[in-house]
Amino acid sequence: MKAANPSLLSRISIAFGTFFAVLADGDLAARIQALRSGEQRREPAAPPAPPAPAARPAPPPLLAAAPDGALQLLGLLQREARFIDFIQEDVAAYGDADIGAAARVVHEGCRKVLRENFSIEPVRDEPEGSRLTLPAGFDAAAIRVTGNVVGEPPFNGSLTHRGWRVRETRLPQLASGHDLRIVAAAEVEL
């Protein structure tokens, strides 16, 4: 099956990218020249492959995160806490008391959004500062080891942060056609 031709914008992007690639790579320029003139150009022999390094397990493939939930949460934080307004504001000109008063409102609204939409629990139950031992095979996604990490587990250390885990998510349902990219509508007073 023949692939679809690229769109005009894609062809413009390809043209610019090829222009700079040709300037930087003489072999590519020669291959394109041969292609344009209709010649068959023999490819140079590939150099011998270097010896294979010791087999290392391939990293898991990266998955693209769907932005919908993040956009919905950002909208909730803006609605309840004016979060974006606060973060976008240049607070350098304000006094500490003014910033503290605004932060109190933002903090209260953010807490409300978290309480209403998530069940959150600590990853570790021990109090911060507690001494603990991490056995071999500990969950590295849930526990980050910091400091002078040498050797293999078990590791002995102090808990500096208990971590957080979301047990349940309760984001509101959305109406069909709702544009999640509008996290705060513009307001016009009449």
C-alpha atoms as a PDB file:
ATOM      1  CA  MET A   1       0.000   0.000   0.000  1.00  0.00           C
ATOM      2  CA  LYS A   2       1.415   3.389  -1.017  1.00  0.00           C
ATOM      3  CA  ALA A   3       1.950   5.941   1.760  1.00  0.00           C
ATOM      4  CA  ALA A   4      -0.019   9.198   1.479  1.00  0.00           C
ATOM      5  CA  ASN A   5       1.873  12.210   0.148  1.00  0.00           C
ATOM      6  CA  PRO A   6       2.969  14.673   2.852  1.00  0.00           C
ATOM      7  CA  SER A   7       0.944  17.869   3.263  1.00  0.00           C
ATOM      8  CA  LEU A   8       2.274  21.230   2.051  1.00  0.00           C
ATOM      9  CA  LEU A   9       3.390  22.198   5.576  1.00  0.00           C
ATOM     10  CA  SER A  10       5.139  18.853   6.009  1.00  0.00           C
ATOM     11  CA  ARG A  11       6.909  19.312   2.652  1.00  0.00           C
ATOM     12  CA  ILE A  12       8.071  22.802   3.668  1.00  0.00           C
ATOM     13  CA  SER A  13       9.459  21.361   6.907  1.00  0.00           C
ATOM     14  CA  ILE A  14      11.167  18.540   4.981  1.00  0.00           C
ATOM     15  CA  ALA A  15      12.648  21.055   2.510  1.00  0.00           C
ATOM     16  CA  PHE A  16      14.143  23.250   5.244  1.00  0.00           C
ATOM     17  CA  GLY A  17      15.469  20.268   7.173  1.00  0.00           C
ATOM     18  CA  THR A  18      16.982  18.772   4.014  1.00  0.00           C
ATOM     19  CA  PHE A  19      18.581  22.100   3.058  1.00  0.00           C
ATOM     20  CA  PHE A  20      20.514  22.286   6.323  1.00  0.00           C
ATOM     21  CA  ALA A  21      21.291  18.563   6.322  1.00  0.00           C
ATOM     22  CA  VAL A  22      22.794  18.853   2.805  1.00  0.00           C
ATOM     23  CA  LEU A  23      24.989  21.747   3.935  1.00  0.00           C
ATOM     24  CA  ALA A  24      26.287  19.674   6.846  1.00  0.00           C
ATOM     25  CA  ASP A  25      26.654  16.253   5.149  1.00  0.00           C
ATOM     26  CA  GLY A  26      28.535  15.925   1.839  1.00  0.00           C
ATOM     27  CA  ASP A  27      27.563  12.272   1.394  1.00  0.00           C
ATOM     28  CA  LEU A  28      23.873  13.143   1.746  1.00  0.00           C
ATOM     29  CA  ALA A  29      24.339  15.941  -0.830  1.00  0.00           C
ATOM     30  CA  ALA A  30      25.904  13.443  -3.266  1.00  0.00           C
ATOM     31  CA  ARG A  31      23.063  10.955  -2.775  1.00  0.00           C
ATOM     32  CA  ILE A  32      20.423  13.642  -3.358  1.00  0.00           C
ATOM     33  CA  GLN A  33      22.295  14.872  -6.442  1.00  0.00           C
ATOM     34  CA  ALA A  34      22.363  11.324  -7.847  1.00  0.00           C
ATOM     35  CA  LEU A  35      18.656  10.884  -7.049  1.00  0.00           C
ATOM     36  CA  ARG A  36      17.749  14.137  -8.844  1.00  0.00           C
ATOM     37  CA  SER A  37      19.785  13.220 -11.929  1.00  0.00           C
ATOM     38  CA  GLY A  38      18.267   9.747 -12.057  1.00  0.00           C
ATOM     39  CA  GLU A  39      21.595   7.978 -11.549  1.00  0.00           C
ATOM     40  CA  GLN A  40      21.933   4.838  -9.559  1.00  0.00           C
ATOM     41  CA  ARG A  41      24.548   5.620  -6.934  1.00  0.00           C
ATOM     42  CA  ARG A  42      26.227   2.771  -5.200  1.00  0.00           C
ATOM     43  CA  GLU A  43      26.152   3.144  -1.451  1.00  0.00           C
ATOM     44  CA  PRO A  44      29.542   2.915   0.264  1.00  0.00           C
ATOM     45  CA  ALA A  45      30.088  -0.273   2.188  1.00  0.00           C
ATOM     46  CA  ALA A  46      29.055   0.059   5.781  1.00  0.00           C
ATOM     47  CA  PRO A  47      31.937  -0.020   8.253  1.00  0.00           C
ATOM     48  CA  PRO A  48      32.163  -3.212  10.282  1.00  0.00           C
ATOM     49  CA  ALA A  49      29.959  -3.188  13.318  1.00  0.00           C
ATOM     50  CA  PRO A  50      31.750  -2.725  16.634  1.00  0.00           C
ATOM     51  CA  PRO A  51      31.653  -5.680  18.986  1.00  0.00           C
ATOM     52  CA  ALA A  52      28.378  -5.868  20.867  1.00  0.00           C
ATOM     53  CA  PRO A  53      28.550  -4.593  24.437  1.00  0.00           C
ATOM     54  CA  ALA A  54      27.414  -6.793  27.282  1.00  0.00           C
ATOM     55  CA  ALA A  55      23.683  -7.373  27.008  1.00  0.00           C
ATOM     56  CA  ARG A  56      21.739  -4.897  29.078  1.00  0.00           C
ATOM     57  CA  PRO A  57      17.985  -5.114  29.407  1.00  0.00           C
ATOM     58  CA  ALA A  58      16.221  -2.598  27.199  1.00  0.00           C
ATOM     59  CA  PRO A  59      14.471   0.188  29.095  1.00  0.00           C
ATOM     60  CA  PRO A  60      10.696  -0.017  29.051  1.00  0.00           C
ATOM     61  CA  PRO A  61       9.077   2.029  26.278  1.00  0.00           C
ATOM     62  CA  LEU A  62       7.930   5.515  27.234  1.00  0.00           C
ATOM     63  CA  LEU A  63       4.203   6.145  27.098  1.00  0.00           C
ATOM     64  CA  ALA A  64       2.703   9.503  26.226  1.00  0.00           C
ATOM     65  CA  ALA A  65       0.604  10.868  29.063  1.00  0.00           C
ATOM     66  CA  ALA A  66      -2.931  11.840  28.088  1.00  0.00           C
ATOM     67  CA  PRO A  67      -3.306  15.534  28.903  1.00  0.00           C
ATOM     68  CA  ASP A  68      -7.052  15.424  29.675  1.00  0.00           C
ATOM     69  CA  GLY A  69      -6.778  14.625  33.390  1.00  0.00           C
ATOM     70  CA  ALA A  70      -3.976  17.146  33.898  1.00  0.00           C
ATOM     71  CA  LEU A  71      -5.955  19.876  32.142  1.00  0.00           C
ATOM     72  CA  GLN A  72      -9.058  19.048  34.172  1.00  0.00           C
ATOM     73  CA  LEU A  73      -7.066  19.215  37.432  1.00  0.00           C
ATOM     74  CA  LEU A  74      -5.484  22.517  36.395  1.00  0.00           C
ATOM     75  CA  GLY A  75      -8.956  23.915  35.701  1.00  0.00           C
ATOM     76  CA  LEU A  76     -10.196  22.752  39.123  1.00  0.00           C
ATOM     77  CA  LEU A  77      -7.187  24.345  40.857  1.00  0.00           C
ATOM     78  CA  GLN A  78      -7.837  27.602  39.017  1.00  0.00           C
ATOM     79  CA  ARG A  79     -11.564  27.596  39.823  1.00  0.00           C
ATOM     80  CA  GLU A  80     -11.189  26.822  43.538  1.00  0.00           C
ATOM     81  CA  ALA A  81      -7.811  28.400  44.342  1.00  0.00           C
ATOM     82  CA  ARG A  82      -7.031  30.915  41.568  1.00  0.00           C
ATOM     83  CA  PHE A  83      -3.851  28.829  41.249  1.00  0.00           C
ATOM     84  CA  ILE A  84      -2.806  29.987  37.768  1.00  0.00           C
ATOM     85  CA  ASP A  85      -3.493  33.636  38.653  1.00  0.00           C
ATOM     86  CA  PHE A  86      -1.247  33.317  41.715  1.00  0.00           C
ATOM     87  CA  ILE A  87       1.595  31.512  39.908  1.00  0.00           C
ATOM     88  CA  GLN A  88       1.505  33.867  36.895  1.00  0.00           C
ATOM     89  CA  GLU A  89       1.644  36.959  39.122  1.00  0.00           C
ATOM     90  CA  ASP A  90       5.073  38.578  39.621  1.00  0.00           C
ATOM     91  CA  VAL A  91       5.137  38.728  43.415  1.00  0.00           C
ATOM     92  CA  ALA A  92       8.507  40.508  43.704  1.00  0.00           C
ATOM     93  CA  ALA A  93       6.818  43.895  44.275  1.00  0.00           C
ATOM     94  CA  TYR A  94       4.526  42.651  47.062  1.00  0.00           C
ATOM     95  CA  GLY A  95       5.343  42.458  50.747  1.00  0.00           C
ATOM     96  CA  ASP A  96       5.578  39.176  52.623  1.00  0.00           C
ATOM     97  CA  ALA A  97       2.259  39.834  54.412  1.00  0.00           C
ATOM     98  CA  ASP A  98       0.433  40.339  51.104  1.00  0.00           C
ATOM     99  CA  ILE A  99       1.979  37.206  49.610  1.00  0.00           C
ATOM    100  CA  GLY A 100       1.180  35.233  52.757  1.00  0.00           C
ATOM    101  CA  ALA A 101      -2.475  36.344  52.673  1.00  0.00           C
ATOM    102  CA  ALA A 102      -2.787  35.322  49.005  1.00  0.00           C
ATOM    103  CA  ALA A 103      -0.972  32.034  49.639  1.00  0.00           C
ATOM    104  CA  ARG A 104      -3.456  31.217  52.419  1.00  0.00           C
ATOM    105  CA  VAL A 105      -6.372  31.513  49.950  1.00  0.00           C
ATOM    106  CA  VAL A 106      -4.552  29.474  47.289  1.00  0.00           C
ATOM    107  CA  HIS A 107      -3.568  26.837  49.877  1.00  0.00           C
ATOM    108  CA  GLU A 108      -7.150  26.474  51.143  1.00  0.00           C
ATOM    109  CA  GLY A 109      -8.521  26.101  47.604  1.00  0.00           C
ATOM    110  CA  CYS A 110      -5.836  23.575  46.589  1.00  0.00           C
ATOM    111  CA  ARG A 111      -6.554  21.480  49.685  1.00  0.00           C
ATOM    112  CA  LYS A 112     -10.254  21.508  48.829  1.00  0.00           C
ATOM    113  CA  VAL A 113      -9.545  20.266  45.284  1.00  0.00           C
ATOM    114  CA  LEU A 114      -7.295  17.465  46.594  1.00  0.00           C
ATOM    115  CA  ARG A 115      -9.768  16.362  49.293  1.00  0.00           C
ATOM    116  CA  GLU A 116     -12.750  16.334  46.883  1.00  0.00           C
ATOM    117  CA  ASN A 117     -11.027  14.646  43.948  1.00  0.00           C
ATOM    118  CA  PHE A 118      -8.375  12.297  45.366  1.00  0.00           C
ATOM    119  CA  SER A 119      -7.771   9.897  48.207  1.00  0.00           C
ATOM    120  CA  ILE A 120      -4.110  10.351  49.086  1.00  0.00           C
ATOM    121  CA  GLU A 121      -2.073   8.331  51.576  1.00  0.00           C
ATOM    122  CA  PRO A 122       1.593   8.235  52.590  1.00  0.00           C
ATOM    123  CA  VAL A 123       3.870   5.742  50.825  1.00  0.00           C
ATOM    124  CA  ARG A 124       5.595   4.985  54.161  1.00  0.00           C
ATOM    125  CA  ASP A 125       3.811   4.938  57.534  1.00  0.00           C
ATOM    126  CA  GLU A 126       6.864   5.652  59.721  1.00  0.00           C
ATOM    127  CA  PRO A 127       7.376   9.205  60.984  1.00  0.00           C
ATOM    128  CA  GLU A 128       9.933  11.297  59.105  1.00  0.00           C
ATOM    129  CA  GLY A 129      13.352  10.961  60.718  1.00  0.00           C
ATOM    130  CA  SER A 130      12.807   7.257  61.517  1.00  0.00           C
ATOM    131  CA  ARG A 131      15.658   4.842  60.802  1.00  0.00           C
ATOM    132  CA  LEU A 132      14.750   2.021  58.423  1.00  0.00           C
ATOM    133  CA  THR A 133      16.262  -0.723  56.280  1.00  0.00           C
ATOM    134  CA  LEU A 134      15.428  -1.109  52.596  1.00  0.00           C
ATOM    135  CA  PRO A 135      15.749  -4.782  51.636  1.00  0.00           C
ATOM    136  CA  ALA A 136      16.898  -6.071  48.261  1.00  0.00           C
ATOM    137  CA  GLY A 137      14.056  -5.767  45.753  1.00  0.00           C
ATOM    138  CA  PHE A 138      12.459  -2.692  47.370  1.00  0.00           C
ATOM    139  CA  ASP A 139      10.073  -0.739  45.111  1.00  0.00           C
ATOM    140  CA  ALA A 140      12.335   1.862  43.487  1.00  0.00           C
ATOM    141  CA  ALA A 141       9.288   3.605  41.961  1.00  0.00           C
ATOM    142  CA  ALA A 142       7.882   4.248  45.442  1.00  0.00           C
ATOM    143  CA  ILE A 143      11.152   4.891  47.300  1.00  0.00           C
ATOM    144  CA  ARG A 144      13.951   7.140  46.041  1.00  0.00           C
ATOM    145  CA  VAL A 145      17.300   6.517  47.701  1.00  0.00           C
ATOM    146  CA  THR A 146      19.394   9.690  48.108  1.00  0.00           C
ATOM    147  CA  GLY A 147      22.735  10.576  49.625  1.00  0.00           C
ATOM    148  CA  ASN A 148      25.835   8.391  49.371  1.00  0.00           C
ATOM    149  CA  VAL A 149      24.345   5.388  47.558  1.00  0.00           C
ATOM    150  CA  VAL A 150      27.048   2.710  47.293  1.00  0.00           C
ATOM    151  CA  GLY A 151      26.730  -1.014  46.769  1.00  0.00           C
ATOM    152  CA  GLU A 152      23.654  -3.186  46.757  1.00  0.00           C
ATOM    153  CA  PRO A 153      20.702  -3.351  49.194  1.00  0.00           C
ATOM    154  CA  PRO A 154      19.913  -3.754  51.974  1.00  0.00           C
ATOM    155  CA  PHE A 155      20.348  -0.022  52.642  1.00  0.00           C
ATOM    156  CA  ASN A 156      20.082   1.567  56.086  1.00  0.00           C
ATOM    157  CA  GLY A 157      18.968   5.178  56.264  1.00  0.00           C
ATOM    158  CA  SER A 158      16.620   7.828  57.636  1.00  0.00           C
ATOM    159  CA  LEU A 159      13.211   8.590  56.196  1.00  0.00           C
ATOM    160  CA  THR A 160      13.357  12.220  55.026  1.00  0.00           C
ATOM    161  CA  HIS A 161       9.943  12.266  53.306  1.00  0.00           C
ATOM    162  CA  ARG A 162       7.081   9.771  53.650  1.00  0.00           C
ATOM    163  CA  GLY A 163       6.004  10.171  50.005  1.00  0.00           C
ATOM    164  CA  TRP A 164       2.441  10.257  48.707  1.00  0.00           C
ATOM    165  CA  ARG A 165       0.344   7.732  46.806  1.00  0.00           C
ATOM    166  CA  VAL A 166      -3.031   8.339  45.194  1.00  0.00           C
ATOM    167  CA  ARG A 167      -5.399   5.558  46.247  1.00  0.00           C
ATOM    168  CA  GLU A 168      -8.490   6.854  44.426  1.00  0.00           C
ATOM    169  CA  THR A 169      -9.255   9.531  41.813  1.00  0.00           C
ATOM    170  CA  ARG A 170     -12.711  11.141  41.578  1.00  0.00           C
ATOM    171  CA  LEU A 171     -12.482  13.778  38.844  1.00  0.00           C
ATOM    172  CA  PRO A 172     -15.881  15.111  37.745  1.00  0.00           C
ATOM    173  CA  GLN A 173     -17.472  13.841  34.550  1.00  0.00           C
ATOM    174  CA  LEU A 174     -17.320  16.212  31.604  1.00  0.00           C
ATOM    175  CA  ALA A 175     -20.018  17.343  29.213  1.00  0.00           C
ATOM    176  CA  SER A 176     -19.539  16.255  25.626  1.00  0.00           C
ATOM    177  CA  GLY A 177     -17.639  18.892  23.658  1.00  0.00           C
ATOM    178  CA  HIS A 178     -16.121  20.525  26.760  1.00  0.00           C
ATOM    179  CA  ASP A 179     -12.778  22.132  25.786  1.00  0.00           C
ATOM    180  CA  LEU A 180     -10.351  21.131  28.550  1.00  0.00           C
ATOM    181  CA  ARG A 181      -7.732  23.532  27.201  1.00  0.00           C
ATOM    182  CA  ILE A 182      -9.798  26.444  28.523  1.00  0.00           C
ATOM    183  CA  VAL A 183      -8.832  26.130  32.179  1.00  0.00           C
ATOM    184  CA  ALA A 184     -10.304  29.537  33.038  1.00  0.00           C
ATOM    185  CA  ALA A 185     -12.714  31.412  30.805  1.00  0.00           C
ATOM    186  CA  ALA A 186     -12.087  35.101  30.206  1.00  0.00           C
ATOM    187  CA  GLU A 187     -14.503  37.247  32.206  1.00  0.00           C
ATOM    188  CA  VAL A 188     -16.236  40.316  30.795  1.00  0.00           C
ATOM    189  CA  GLU A 189     -18.267  42.503  33.147  1.00  0.00           C
ATOM    190  CA  LEU A 190     -21.220  44.368  31.606  1.00  0.00           C
END
